[in-house]
Amino acid sequence: MDTGMSGGTQVDQIPSDLSRQATAWLVQLDDEPDNEALRMQFIDWLATSPAHLAAWEETERVSGLMSALGPLRGITPPAPSTRWAWFPKVGRAGTLATLALAACFAWLIAPDLSLRMRADEITRTAELRMVRLKDGSTVHLAPATAIAFTTGASGRRVNLLQGEAWFDVARDKTRPFKVEAGDSTVTVLGTAFSVRKTDDGTDVAVQRGHVAVETPRATPPARVDLIAGQALSVSAGVATRGTIRPDRVASWREGVAIVNDQPIGDVIDRLRPWYKGYIIAKGAGLKDRRVSGIYDLRDPDAALEALTRAHRVTVSQLSPWLRIVTVG
């Protein structure tokens, strides 16, 4: 479909069918300002294509848009920022901000609502929470983390749906404690350890005791036993063992990330759950450039600034809630 873009950056004209659609949305939203289902359908339409966003902007100036829509009541994003309850102003200087906004809307609505339907406990951006399970085990949730759990005669099971958690498991030989994170399952009897679900795998680190990590879909299928001070990273089906000081396991509980020779992209991933907005990272060095250091998770902007001082990283502030990080 012709998006009406000239040279990939400037909107020359809006196809008439999109203009009619945008006008229809404006009328419906004005007629039913409290219809949350309609608002969600509108956001889904808006996020489908940058051309839809351009059509909407042409139909109603940003000031008129904010006046017509008001806050998006009933839509709760992971970050407790009132800024996210309004549509931010988007200019026409380039496609990057437009694409970022469309991607943010798409990420905001569908995954978060689905996650909340499945989770028993969920944390917001920059929120830490301790959960005590019925068996006496304790779970500390990192920001932007979601878990579901079941307890029965045959065992205890926690599904780490998103994020990272630290577990202090009550010993019960008759009912093994299992944590499922993606393709990996961590089995324990009584121990303290952390599990982090990543985009392409799982990270496990043991503070005390003993765990077994099984990844049946790895090539070959992997079962790795870990004791205190040992760690395992499963990424794209490959399991890599490592070591960690037991007192540094789940350092995020103290609001810091202790990084030892990790890709810059991983550091940025650790900052995202603490940042009340969006961090978009790009550049060839995200996976190749490795860093070490201690970063303040409670002040993501300061952590990003620390990266810029030492590692050829630039940070652009497009708005109070959006950072573009470029790694050379």
C-alpha atoms as a PDB file:
ATOM      1  CA  MET A   1       0.000   0.000   0.000  1.00  0.00           C
ATOM      2  CA  ASP A   2       1.182   3.516  -0.811  1.00  0.00           C
ATOM      3  CA  THR A   3       1.942   5.209   2.496  1.00  0.00           C
ATOM      4  CA  GLY A   4       2.210   8.682   1.013  1.00  0.00           C
ATOM      5  CA  MET A   5       5.871   9.008   2.020  1.00  0.00           C
ATOM      6  CA  SER A   6       8.350  10.885  -0.162  1.00  0.00           C
ATOM      7  CA  GLY A   7      12.000   9.913   0.306  1.00  0.00           C
ATOM      8  CA  GLY A   8      11.059   7.959   3.438  1.00  0.00           C
ATOM      9  CA  THR A   9      10.920  11.045   5.651  1.00  0.00           C
ATOM     10  CA  GLN A  10       8.371  13.633   4.557  1.00  0.00           C
ATOM     11  CA  VAL A  11       4.609  13.146   4.364  1.00  0.00           C
ATOM     12  CA  ASP A  12       3.470  14.575   1.016  1.00  0.00           C
ATOM     13  CA  GLN A  13      -0.158  13.564   1.129  1.00  0.00           C
ATOM     14  CA  ILE A  14      -2.451  11.192   2.937  1.00  0.00           C
ATOM     15  CA  PRO A  15      -4.352   8.603   0.877  1.00  0.00           C
ATOM     16  CA  SER A  16      -8.032   9.466   0.851  1.00  0.00           C
ATOM     17  CA  ASP A  17      -9.110   6.134   2.357  1.00  0.00           C
ATOM     18  CA  LEU A  18      -6.849   6.686   5.382  1.00  0.00           C
ATOM     19  CA  SER A  19      -8.171  10.221   5.773  1.00  0.00           C
ATOM     20  CA  ARG A  20     -11.718   8.865   5.831  1.00  0.00           C
ATOM     21  CA  GLN A  21     -10.732   6.233   8.397  1.00  0.00           C
ATOM     22  CA  ALA A  22      -9.077   8.839  10.614  1.00  0.00           C
ATOM     23  CA  THR A  23     -12.140  11.077  10.360  1.00  0.00           C
ATOM     24  CA  ALA A  24     -14.386   8.153  11.278  1.00  0.00           C
ATOM     25  CA  TRP A  25     -12.248   7.451  14.336  1.00  0.00           C
ATOM     26  CA  LEU A  26     -12.453  11.104  15.378  1.00  0.00           C
ATOM     27  CA  VAL A  27     -16.240  11.056  15.168  1.00  0.00           C
ATOM     28  CA  GLN A  28     -16.572   7.774  17.078  1.00  0.00           C
ATOM     29  CA  LEU A  29     -14.170   8.819  19.809  1.00  0.00           C
ATOM     30  CA  ASP A  30     -15.961  12.132  20.206  1.00  0.00           C
ATOM     31  CA  ASP A  31     -19.353  10.372  20.394  1.00  0.00           C
ATOM     32  CA  GLU A  32     -18.183   7.715  22.873  1.00  0.00           C
ATOM     33  CA  PRO A  33     -15.434   9.284  25.004  1.00  0.00           C
ATOM     34  CA  ASP A  34     -15.812   6.677  27.775  1.00  0.00           C
ATOM     35  CA  ASN A  35     -15.751   3.592  25.533  1.00  0.00           C
ATOM     36  CA  GLU A  36     -12.468   1.951  26.574  1.00  0.00           C
ATOM     37  CA  ALA A  37     -12.842  -0.922  24.101  1.00  0.00           C
ATOM     38  CA  LEU A  38     -13.176   1.607  21.287  1.00  0.00           C
ATOM     39  CA  ARG A  39     -10.066   3.414  22.465  1.00  0.00           C
ATOM     40  CA  MET A  40      -8.074   0.188  22.481  1.00  0.00           C
ATOM     41  CA  GLN A  41      -9.244  -0.589  18.929  1.00  0.00           C
ATOM     42  CA  PHE A  42      -8.214   2.908  17.889  1.00  0.00           C
ATOM     43  CA  ILE A  43      -4.712   2.506  19.380  1.00  0.00           C
ATOM     44  CA  ASP A  44      -4.356  -0.827  17.606  1.00  0.00           C
ATOM     45  CA  TRP A  45      -5.274   0.883  14.316  1.00  0.00           C
ATOM     46  CA  LEU A  46      -2.883   3.743  15.037  1.00  0.00           C
ATOM     47  CA  ALA A  47       0.026   1.391  15.711  1.00  0.00           C
ATOM     48  CA  THR A  48      -0.510  -0.695  12.576  1.00  0.00           C
ATOM     49  CA  SER A  49       1.335   1.694  10.254  1.00  0.00           C
ATOM     50  CA  PRO A  50       3.147   5.057  10.352  1.00  0.00           C
ATOM     51  CA  ALA A  51       0.746   6.097   7.578  1.00  0.00           C
ATOM     52  CA  HIS A  52      -2.163   5.717  10.024  1.00  0.00           C
ATOM     53  CA  LEU A  53      -0.406   7.974  12.508  1.00  0.00           C
ATOM     54  CA  ALA A  54       0.248  10.529   9.765  1.00  0.00           C
ATOM     55  CA  ALA A  55      -3.392  10.361   8.663  1.00  0.00           C
ATOM     56  CA  TRP A  56      -4.556  10.982  12.216  1.00  0.00           C
ATOM     57  CA  GLU A  57      -2.174  13.901  12.617  1.00  0.00           C
ATOM     58  CA  GLU A  58      -3.469  15.428   9.403  1.00  0.00           C
ATOM     59  CA  THR A  59      -7.084  14.954  10.512  1.00  0.00           C
ATOM     60  CA  GLU A  60      -6.635  16.552  13.901  1.00  0.00           C
ATOM     61  CA  ARG A  61      -3.820  18.752  15.182  1.00  0.00           C
ATOM     62  CA  VAL A  62      -2.032  17.331  18.195  1.00  0.00           C
ATOM     63  CA  SER A  63      -3.657  19.825  20.554  1.00  0.00           C
ATOM     64  CA  GLY A  64      -7.077  18.802  19.265  1.00  0.00           C
ATOM     65  CA  LEU A  65      -6.144  15.150  19.630  1.00  0.00           C
ATOM     66  CA  MET A  66      -5.255  15.531  23.290  1.00  0.00           C
ATOM     67  CA  SER A  67      -8.427  17.465  23.963  1.00  0.00           C
ATOM     68  CA  ALA A  68     -10.624  14.874  22.210  1.00  0.00           C
ATOM     69  CA  LEU A  69      -9.070  11.765  23.763  1.00  0.00           C
ATOM     70  CA  GLY A  70      -7.970  12.796  27.207  1.00  0.00           C
ATOM     71  CA  PRO A  71      -6.158  10.230  29.351  1.00  0.00           C
ATOM     72  CA  LEU A  72      -6.373   6.583  28.329  1.00  0.00           C
ATOM     73  CA  ARG A  73      -8.259   5.409  31.394  1.00  0.00           C
ATOM     74  CA  GLY A  74      -8.287   1.698  32.041  1.00  0.00           C
ATOM     75  CA  ILE A  75      -5.029   1.022  30.175  1.00  0.00           C
ATOM     76  CA  THR A  76      -2.267   0.380  32.705  1.00  0.00           C
ATOM     77  CA  PRO A  77       1.252   0.211  31.223  1.00  0.00           C
ATOM     78  CA  PRO A  78       4.189  -1.304  33.141  1.00  0.00           C
ATOM     79  CA  ALA A  79       5.550   2.182  33.857  1.00  0.00           C
ATOM     80  CA  PRO A  80       3.501   4.224  36.363  1.00  0.00           C
ATOM     81  CA  SER A  81       4.012   7.459  34.460  1.00  0.00           C
ATOM     82  CA  THR A  82       1.041   9.756  33.878  1.00  0.00           C
ATOM     83  CA  ARG A  83       2.732  10.894  30.677  1.00  0.00           C
ATOM     84  CA  TRP A  84       1.919   7.546  29.113  1.00  0.00           C
ATOM     85  CA  ALA A  85      -1.777   8.146  29.630  1.00  0.00           C
ATOM     86  CA  TRP A  86      -1.699  10.815  26.905  1.00  0.00           C
ATOM     87  CA  PHE A  87      -0.640  10.815  23.281  1.00  0.00           C
ATOM     88  CA  PRO A  88       2.707  12.641  23.054  1.00  0.00           C
ATOM     89  CA  LYS A  89       3.281  15.267  20.405  1.00  0.00           C
ATOM     90  CA  VAL A  90       4.854  13.845  17.269  1.00  0.00           C
ATOM     91  CA  GLY A  91       6.410  16.027  14.592  1.00  0.00           C
ATOM     92  CA  ARG A  92       7.359  15.272  10.998  1.00  0.00           C
ATOM     93  CA  ALA A  93      11.124  15.690  11.265  1.00  0.00           C
ATOM     94  CA  GLY A  94      11.785  12.031  10.524  1.00  0.00           C
ATOM     95  CA  THR A  95      10.380   8.548  10.553  1.00  0.00           C
ATOM     96  CA  LEU A  96      12.334   7.416  13.628  1.00  0.00           C
ATOM     97  CA  ALA A  97      10.073   9.093  16.164  1.00  0.00           C
ATOM     98  CA  THR A  98       6.971   7.994  14.238  1.00  0.00           C
ATOM     99  CA  LEU A  99       8.095   4.376  14.091  1.00  0.00           C
ATOM    100  CA  ALA A 100       9.115   4.480  17.736  1.00  0.00           C
ATOM    101  CA  LEU A 101       5.714   5.815  18.764  1.00  0.00           C
ATOM    102  CA  ALA A 102       3.857   3.205  16.730  1.00  0.00           C
ATOM    103  CA  ALA A 103       6.012   0.445  18.200  1.00  0.00           C
ATOM    104  CA  CYS A 104       5.446   1.774  21.703  1.00  0.00           C
ATOM    105  CA  PHE A 105       1.670   1.733  21.286  1.00  0.00           C
ATOM    106  CA  ALA A 106       1.737  -1.801  19.919  1.00  0.00           C
ATOM    107  CA  TRP A 107       3.950  -2.947  22.801  1.00  0.00           C
ATOM    108  CA  LEU A 108       1.867  -1.100  25.363  1.00  0.00           C
ATOM    109  CA  ILE A 109      -1.538  -2.610  24.713  1.00  0.00           C
ATOM    110  CA  ALA A 110      -1.568  -6.249  23.651  1.00  0.00           C
ATOM    111  CA  PRO A 111       1.347  -7.804  25.587  1.00  0.00           C
ATOM    112  CA  ASP A 112       0.616  -6.037  28.863  1.00  0.00           C
ATOM    113  CA  LEU A 113      -3.068  -6.959  28.993  1.00  0.00           C
ATOM    114  CA  SER A 114      -2.308 -10.579  28.089  1.00  0.00           C
ATOM    115  CA  LEU A 115       0.382 -10.709  30.757  1.00  0.00           C
ATOM    116  CA  ARG A 116      -1.932  -9.378  33.457  1.00  0.00           C
ATOM    117  CA  MET A 117      -4.525 -12.007  32.639  1.00  0.00           C
ATOM    118  CA  ARG A 118      -2.004 -14.817  33.188  1.00  0.00           C
ATOM    119  CA  ALA A 119      -0.026 -13.428  36.143  1.00  0.00           C
ATOM    120  CA  ASP A 120      -0.673 -13.875  39.857  1.00  0.00           C
ATOM    121  CA  GLU A 121       1.829 -11.152  40.752  1.00  0.00           C
ATOM    122  CA  ILE A 122       3.195  -8.374  38.554  1.00  0.00           C
ATOM    123  CA  THR A 123       5.411  -5.347  39.213  1.00  0.00           C
ATOM    124  CA  ARG A 124       5.505  -1.987  37.475  1.00  0.00           C
ATOM    125  CA  THR A 125       8.503  -0.065  36.241  1.00  0.00           C
ATOM    126  CA  ALA A 126      11.024   0.650  39.050  1.00  0.00           C
ATOM    127  CA  GLU A 127       8.892  -1.328  41.532  1.00  0.00           C
ATOM    128  CA  LEU A 128      10.314  -4.048  43.779  1.00  0.00           C
ATOM    129  CA  ARG A 129       8.002  -6.463  45.566  1.00  0.00           C
ATOM    130  CA  MET A 130       8.358  -9.365  47.991  1.00  0.00           C
ATOM    131  CA  VAL A 131       5.823 -12.188  47.714  1.00  0.00           C
ATOM    132  CA  ARG A 132       5.451 -14.893  50.345  1.00  0.00           C
ATOM    133  CA  LEU A 133       4.055 -18.149  48.974  1.00  0.00           C
ATOM    134  CA  LYS A 134       1.801 -20.493  50.937  1.00  0.00           C
ATOM    135  CA  ASP A 135       4.588 -23.057  51.350  1.00  0.00           C
ATOM    136  CA  GLY A 136       6.746 -20.496  53.175  1.00  0.00           C
ATOM    137  CA  SER A 137       8.986 -19.694  50.216  1.00  0.00           C
ATOM    138  CA  THR A 138       9.810 -16.064  49.469  1.00  0.00           C
ATOM    139  CA  VAL A 139      10.021 -14.458  46.028  1.00  0.00           C
ATOM    140  CA  HIS A 140      11.498 -11.022  45.375  1.00  0.00           C
ATOM    141  CA  LEU A 141      10.288  -9.546  42.085  1.00  0.00           C
ATOM    142  CA  ALA A 142      12.410  -7.156  40.042  1.00  0.00           C
ATOM    143  CA  PRO A 143      10.693  -4.297  38.187  1.00  0.00           C
ATOM    144  CA  ALA A 144       8.505  -5.220  35.195  1.00  0.00           C
ATOM    145  CA  THR A 145       8.304  -8.843  36.344  1.00  0.00           C
ATOM    146  CA  ALA A 146       5.337 -11.214  36.265  1.00  0.00           C
ATOM    147  CA  ILE A 147       4.894 -14.670  37.806  1.00  0.00           C
ATOM    148  CA  ALA A 148       2.175 -17.299  38.072  1.00  0.00           C
ATOM    149  CA  PHE A 149       2.354 -20.066  40.659  1.00  0.00           C
ATOM    150  CA  THR A 150       0.617 -23.285  41.653  1.00  0.00           C
ATOM    151  CA  THR A 151       1.039 -25.528  44.691  1.00  0.00           C
ATOM    152  CA  GLY A 152      -0.176 -29.109  44.947  1.00  0.00           C
ATOM    153  CA  ALA A 153       0.585 -32.457  46.490  1.00  0.00           C
ATOM    154  CA  SER A 154       2.978 -33.364  43.690  1.00  0.00           C
ATOM    155  CA  GLY A 155       5.042 -30.204  43.771  1.00  0.00           C
ATOM    156  CA  ARG A 156       5.360 -26.444  43.672  1.00  0.00           C
ATOM    157  CA  ARG A 157       5.664 -24.582  40.401  1.00  0.00           C
ATOM    158  CA  VAL A 158       6.353 -20.949  39.479  1.00  0.00           C
ATOM    159  CA  ASN A 159       6.131 -19.694  35.906  1.00  0.00           C
ATOM    160  CA  LEU A 160       8.360 -16.674  35.349  1.00  0.00           C
ATOM    161  CA  LEU A 161       6.351 -14.985  32.606  1.00  0.00           C
ATOM    162  CA  GLN A 162       8.594 -11.932  32.317  1.00  0.00           C
ATOM    163  CA  GLY A 163      11.492 -10.276  34.055  1.00  0.00           C
ATOM    164  CA  GLU A 164      13.641 -11.459  36.933  1.00  0.00           C
ATOM    165  CA  ALA A 165      13.057 -12.897  40.400  1.00  0.00           C
ATOM    166  CA  TRP A 166      15.061 -14.051  43.419  1.00  0.00           C
ATOM    167  CA  PHE A 167      13.806 -17.118  45.270  1.00  0.00           C
ATOM    168  CA  ASP A 168      14.381 -18.276  48.839  1.00  0.00           C
ATOM    169  CA  VAL A 169      12.772 -21.711  48.790  1.00  0.00           C
ATOM    170  CA  ALA A 170      11.367 -23.482  51.848  1.00  0.00           C
ATOM    171  CA  ARG A 171      12.761 -27.017  51.932  1.00  0.00           C
ATOM    172  CA  ASP A 172      10.251 -29.808  51.268  1.00  0.00           C
ATOM    173  CA  LYS A 173      11.680 -33.077  49.924  1.00  0.00           C
ATOM    174  CA  THR A 174       8.232 -34.431  49.078  1.00  0.00           C
ATOM    175  CA  ARG A 175       7.313 -31.480  46.865  1.00  0.00           C
ATOM    176  CA  PRO A 176      10.071 -30.251  44.550  1.00  0.00           C
ATOM    177  CA  PHE A 177      10.081 -26.546  43.724  1.00  0.00           C
ATOM    178  CA  LYS A 178      10.294 -25.767  39.991  1.00  0.00           C
ATOM    179  CA  VAL A 179      10.696 -22.456  38.195  1.00  0.00           C
ATOM    180  CA  GLU A 180       9.826 -22.364  34.492  1.00  0.00           C
ATOM    181  CA  ALA A 181      11.352 -19.573  32.426  1.00  0.00           C
ATOM    182  CA  GLY A 182      10.973 -19.928  28.689  1.00  0.00           C
ATOM    183  CA  ASP A 183      12.444 -23.261  27.621  1.00  0.00           C
ATOM    184  CA  SER A 184      14.314 -23.759  30.907  1.00  0.00           C
ATOM    185  CA  THR A 185      13.145 -25.393  34.138  1.00  0.00           C
ATOM    186  CA  VAL A 186      15.002 -24.865  37.428  1.00  0.00           C
ATOM    187  CA  THR A 187      14.393 -27.566  40.073  1.00  0.00           C
ATOM    188  CA  VAL A 188      15.346 -27.203  43.756  1.00  0.00           C
ATOM    189  CA  LEU A 189      14.568 -28.612  47.194  1.00  0.00           C
ATOM    190  CA  GLY A 190      15.771 -25.744  49.358  1.00  0.00           C
ATOM    191  CA  THR A 191      18.022 -22.934  48.208  1.00  0.00           C
ATOM    192  CA  ALA A 192      18.318 -19.259  47.263  1.00  0.00           C
ATOM    193  CA  PHE A 193      18.850 -18.302  43.640  1.00  0.00           C
ATOM    194  CA  SER A 194      17.830 -15.857  40.918  1.00  0.00           C
ATOM    195  CA  VAL A 195      16.254 -16.477  37.518  1.00  0.00           C
ATOM    196  CA  ARG A 196      16.056 -13.955  34.693  1.00  0.00           C
ATOM    197  CA  LYS A 197      14.015 -14.471  31.537  1.00  0.00           C
ATOM    198  CA  THR A 198      15.611 -12.830  28.511  1.00  0.00           C
ATOM    199  CA  ASP A 199      14.461 -12.399  24.919  1.00  0.00           C
ATOM    200  CA  ASP A 200      16.273 -15.526  23.769  1.00  0.00           C
ATOM    201  CA  GLY A 201      16.924 -17.554  26.908  1.00  0.00           C
ATOM    202  CA  THR A 202      17.367 -17.696  30.668  1.00  0.00           C
ATOM    203  CA  ASP A 203      19.979 -16.621  33.230  1.00  0.00           C
ATOM    204  CA  VAL A 204      20.295 -18.496  36.551  1.00  0.00           C
ATOM    205  CA  ALA A 205      22.598 -17.682  39.489  1.00  0.00           C
ATOM    206  CA  VAL A 206      22.804 -19.547  42.816  1.00  0.00           C
ATOM    207  CA  GLN A 207      23.395 -17.792  46.123  1.00  0.00           C
ATOM    208  CA  ARG A 208      23.250 -20.914  48.286  1.00  0.00           C
ATOM    209  CA  GLY A 209      22.195 -24.528  47.944  1.00  0.00           C
ATOM    210  CA  HIS A 210      21.886 -26.530  44.736  1.00  0.00           C
ATOM    211  CA  VAL A 211      19.697 -26.350  41.626  1.00  0.00           C
ATOM    212  CA  ALA A 212      19.352 -28.291  38.395  1.00  0.00           C
ATOM    213  CA  VAL A 213      18.646 -26.366  35.184  1.00  0.00           C
ATOM    214  CA  GLU A 214      17.066 -28.331  32.347  1.00  0.00           C
ATOM    215  CA  THR A 215      16.735 -26.965  28.814  1.00  0.00           C
ATOM    216  CA  PRO A 216      15.256 -29.770  26.674  1.00  0.00           C
ATOM    217  CA  ARG A 217      15.142 -27.665  23.511  1.00  0.00           C
ATOM    218  CA  ALA A 218      18.839 -26.889  23.606  1.00  0.00           C
ATOM    219  CA  THR A 219      21.166 -28.580  21.112  1.00  0.00           C
ATOM    220  CA  PRO A 220      21.970 -31.028  22.583  1.00  0.00           C
ATOM    221  CA  PRO A 221      19.360 -31.068  25.403  1.00  0.00           C
ATOM    222  CA  ALA A 222      21.065 -29.727  28.527  1.00  0.00           C
ATOM    223  CA  ARG A 223      20.869 -30.476  32.235  1.00  0.00           C
ATOM    224  CA  VAL A 224      23.304 -28.491  34.342  1.00  0.00           C
ATOM    225  CA  ASP A 225      23.740 -28.748  38.132  1.00  0.00           C
ATOM    226  CA  LEU A 226      24.705 -25.521  39.897  1.00  0.00           C
ATOM    227  CA  ILE A 227      25.863 -24.840  43.451  1.00  0.00           C
ATOM    228  CA  ALA A 228      26.450 -21.584  45.344  1.00  0.00           C
ATOM    229  CA  GLY A 229      28.603 -19.151  43.386  1.00  0.00           C
ATOM    230  CA  GLN A 230      27.805 -20.692  40.019  1.00  0.00           C
ATOM    231  CA  ALA A 231      25.722 -19.274  37.192  1.00  0.00           C
ATOM    232  CA  LEU A 232      24.307 -20.395  33.872  1.00  0.00           C
ATOM    233  CA  SER A 233      23.282 -18.383  30.827  1.00  0.00           C
ATOM    234  CA  VAL A 234      21.116 -20.093  28.200  1.00  0.00           C
ATOM    235  CA  SER A 235      20.941 -18.070  24.991  1.00  0.00           C
ATOM    236  CA  ALA A 236      19.613 -19.260  21.635  1.00  0.00           C
ATOM    237  CA  GLY A 237      19.828 -22.868  22.790  1.00  0.00           C
ATOM    238  CA  VAL A 238      23.452 -22.623  23.968  1.00  0.00           C
ATOM    239  CA  ALA A 239      24.223 -23.045  27.699  1.00  0.00           C
ATOM    240  CA  THR A 240      27.268 -21.233  29.115  1.00  0.00           C
ATOM    241  CA  ARG A 241      28.487 -21.754  32.683  1.00  0.00           C
ATOM    242  CA  GLY A 242      29.994 -18.993  34.780  1.00  0.00           C
ATOM    243  CA  THR A 243      30.803 -17.928  38.324  1.00  0.00           C
ATOM    244  CA  ILE A 244      29.477 -15.166  40.554  1.00  0.00           C
ATOM    245  CA  ARG A 245      30.123 -14.062  44.096  1.00  0.00           C
ATOM    246  CA  PRO A 246      27.143 -15.295  46.147  1.00  0.00           C
ATOM    247  CA  ASP A 247      26.675 -11.867  47.738  1.00  0.00           C
ATOM    248  CA  ARG A 248      26.266 -10.352  44.259  1.00  0.00           C
ATOM    249  CA  VAL A 249      23.399 -12.589  43.172  1.00  0.00           C
ATOM    250  CA  ALA A 250      20.318 -10.444  42.419  1.00  0.00           C
ATOM    251  CA  SER A 251      22.145  -7.193  43.212  1.00  0.00           C
ATOM    252  CA  TRP A 252      19.120  -5.408  41.720  1.00  0.00           C
ATOM    253  CA  ARG A 253      17.458  -5.874  45.114  1.00  0.00           C
ATOM    254  CA  GLU A 254      19.866  -3.152  46.292  1.00  0.00           C
ATOM    255  CA  GLY A 255      19.188  -1.023  43.211  1.00  0.00           C
ATOM    256  CA  VAL A 256      22.473  -1.685  41.426  1.00  0.00           C
ATOM    257  CA  ALA A 257      23.610  -3.740  38.434  1.00  0.00           C
ATOM    258  CA  ILE A 258      27.063  -5.270  38.820  1.00  0.00           C
ATOM    259  CA  VAL A 259      28.291  -5.893  35.286  1.00  0.00           C
ATOM    260  CA  ASN A 260      31.338  -7.995  34.444  1.00  0.00           C
ATOM    261  CA  ASP A 261      32.362  -8.122  30.779  1.00  0.00           C
ATOM    262  CA  GLN A 262      28.841  -8.041  29.341  1.00  0.00           C
ATOM    263  CA  PRO A 263      27.575  -6.571  26.047  1.00  0.00           C
ATOM    264  CA  ILE A 264      26.355  -2.981  26.242  1.00  0.00           C
ATOM    265  CA  GLY A 265      22.996  -4.186  24.908  1.00  0.00           C
ATOM    266  CA  ASP A 266      22.587  -6.384  27.996  1.00  0.00           C
ATOM    267  CA  VAL A 267      23.298  -3.420  30.286  1.00  0.00           C
ATOM    268  CA  ILE A 268      20.638  -1.368  28.500  1.00  0.00           C
ATOM    269  CA  ASP A 269      18.201  -4.277  28.832  1.00  0.00           C
ATOM    270  CA  ARG A 270      18.786  -4.219  32.591  1.00  0.00           C
ATOM    271  CA  LEU A 271      18.062  -0.491  32.740  1.00  0.00           C
ATOM    272  CA  ARG A 272      14.786  -0.638  30.805  1.00  0.00           C
ATOM    273  CA  PRO A 273      12.611  -2.066  33.637  1.00  0.00           C
ATOM    274  CA  TRP A 274      13.722   0.821  35.850  1.00  0.00           C
ATOM    275  CA  TYR A 275      13.150   3.627  33.337  1.00  0.00           C
ATOM    276  CA  LYS A 276       9.719   5.294  33.342  1.00  0.00           C
ATOM    277  CA  GLY A 277       9.587   5.658  29.604  1.00  0.00           C
ATOM    278  CA  TYR A 278      11.158   4.037  26.559  1.00  0.00           C
ATOM    279  CA  ILE A 279      14.798   3.335  25.750  1.00  0.00           C
ATOM    280  CA  ILE A 280      15.437   2.487  22.099  1.00  0.00           C
ATOM    281  CA  ALA A 281      18.929   1.131  21.423  1.00  0.00           C
ATOM    282  CA  LYS A 282      20.640   0.834  18.046  1.00  0.00           C
ATOM    283  CA  GLY A 283      24.108   0.451  16.600  1.00  0.00           C
ATOM    284  CA  ALA A 284      26.611  -2.223  15.642  1.00  0.00           C
ATOM    285  CA  GLY A 285      28.230  -2.223  19.066  1.00  0.00           C
ATOM    286  CA  LEU A 286      25.213  -3.398  21.061  1.00  0.00           C
ATOM    287  CA  LYS A 287      26.351  -7.035  21.021  1.00  0.00           C
ATOM    288  CA  ASP A 288      30.062  -6.641  20.261  1.00  0.00           C
ATOM    289  CA  ARG A 289      31.064  -3.938  22.734  1.00  0.00           C
ATOM    290  CA  ARG A 290      31.513  -5.298  26.258  1.00  0.00           C
ATOM    291  CA  VAL A 291      31.626  -3.337  29.504  1.00  0.00           C
ATOM    292  CA  SER A 292      32.234  -3.799  33.219  1.00  0.00           C
ATOM    293  CA  GLY A 293      31.114  -1.613  36.079  1.00  0.00           C
ATOM    294  CA  ILE A 294      28.490  -0.854  38.701  1.00  0.00           C
ATOM    295  CA  TYR A 295      25.419   1.009  37.471  1.00  0.00           C
ATOM    296  CA  ASP A 296      22.720   2.741  39.508  1.00  0.00           C
ATOM    297  CA  LEU A 297      19.429   1.160  38.438  1.00  0.00           C
ATOM    298  CA  ARG A 298      17.389   3.693  40.383  1.00  0.00           C
ATOM    299  CA  ASP A 299      18.776   6.483  38.189  1.00  0.00           C
ATOM    300  CA  PRO A 300      18.775   5.108  34.615  1.00  0.00           C
ATOM    301  CA  ASP A 301      19.711   8.479  33.103  1.00  0.00           C
ATOM    302  CA  ALA A 302      22.830   8.597  35.285  1.00  0.00           C
ATOM    303  CA  ALA A 303      23.672   5.030  34.248  1.00  0.00           C
ATOM    304  CA  LEU A 304      23.312   5.935  30.574  1.00  0.00           C
ATOM    305  CA  GLU A 305      25.495   8.983  31.155  1.00  0.00           C
ATOM    306  CA  ALA A 306      28.157   6.716  32.684  1.00  0.00           C
ATOM    307  CA  LEU A 307      28.083   4.611  29.507  1.00  0.00           C
ATOM    308  CA  THR A 308      28.538   7.690  27.313  1.00  0.00           C
ATOM    309  CA  ARG A 309      31.634   8.811  29.222  1.00  0.00           C
ATOM    310  CA  ALA A 310      33.578   5.596  28.721  1.00  0.00           C
ATOM    311  CA  HIS A 311      32.226   3.589  25.808  1.00  0.00           C
ATOM    312  CA  ARG A 312      31.503   5.713  22.700  1.00  0.00           C
ATOM    313  CA  VAL A 313      27.800   5.755  23.386  1.00  0.00           C
ATOM    314  CA  THR A 314      25.520   8.669  22.542  1.00  0.00           C
ATOM    315  CA  VAL A 315      22.127   9.302  24.124  1.00  0.00           C
ATOM    316  CA  SER A 316      19.520  11.501  22.443  1.00  0.00           C
ATOM    317  CA  GLN A 317      16.544  12.815  24.423  1.00  0.00           C
ATOM    318  CA  LEU A 318      13.560  13.106  22.082  1.00  0.00           C
ATOM    319  CA  SER A 319      11.111  13.796  24.894  1.00  0.00           C
ATOM    320  CA  PRO A 320      10.962  13.473  28.702  1.00  0.00           C
ATOM    321  CA  TRP A 321       9.961   9.828  28.244  1.00  0.00           C
ATOM    322  CA  LEU A 322      12.022   8.673  25.240  1.00  0.00           C
ATOM    323  CA  ARG A 323      15.775   8.041  24.930  1.00  0.00           C
ATOM    324  CA  ILE A 324      17.564   6.901  21.770  1.00  0.00           C
ATOM    325  CA  VAL A 325      20.863   5.167  22.601  1.00  0.00           C
ATOM    326  CA  THR A 326      23.369   4.742  19.773  1.00  0.00           C
ATOM    327  CA  VAL A 327      26.370   2.432  20.266  1.00  0.00           C
ATOM    328  CA  GLY A 328      29.162   2.893  17.736  1.00  0.00           C
END
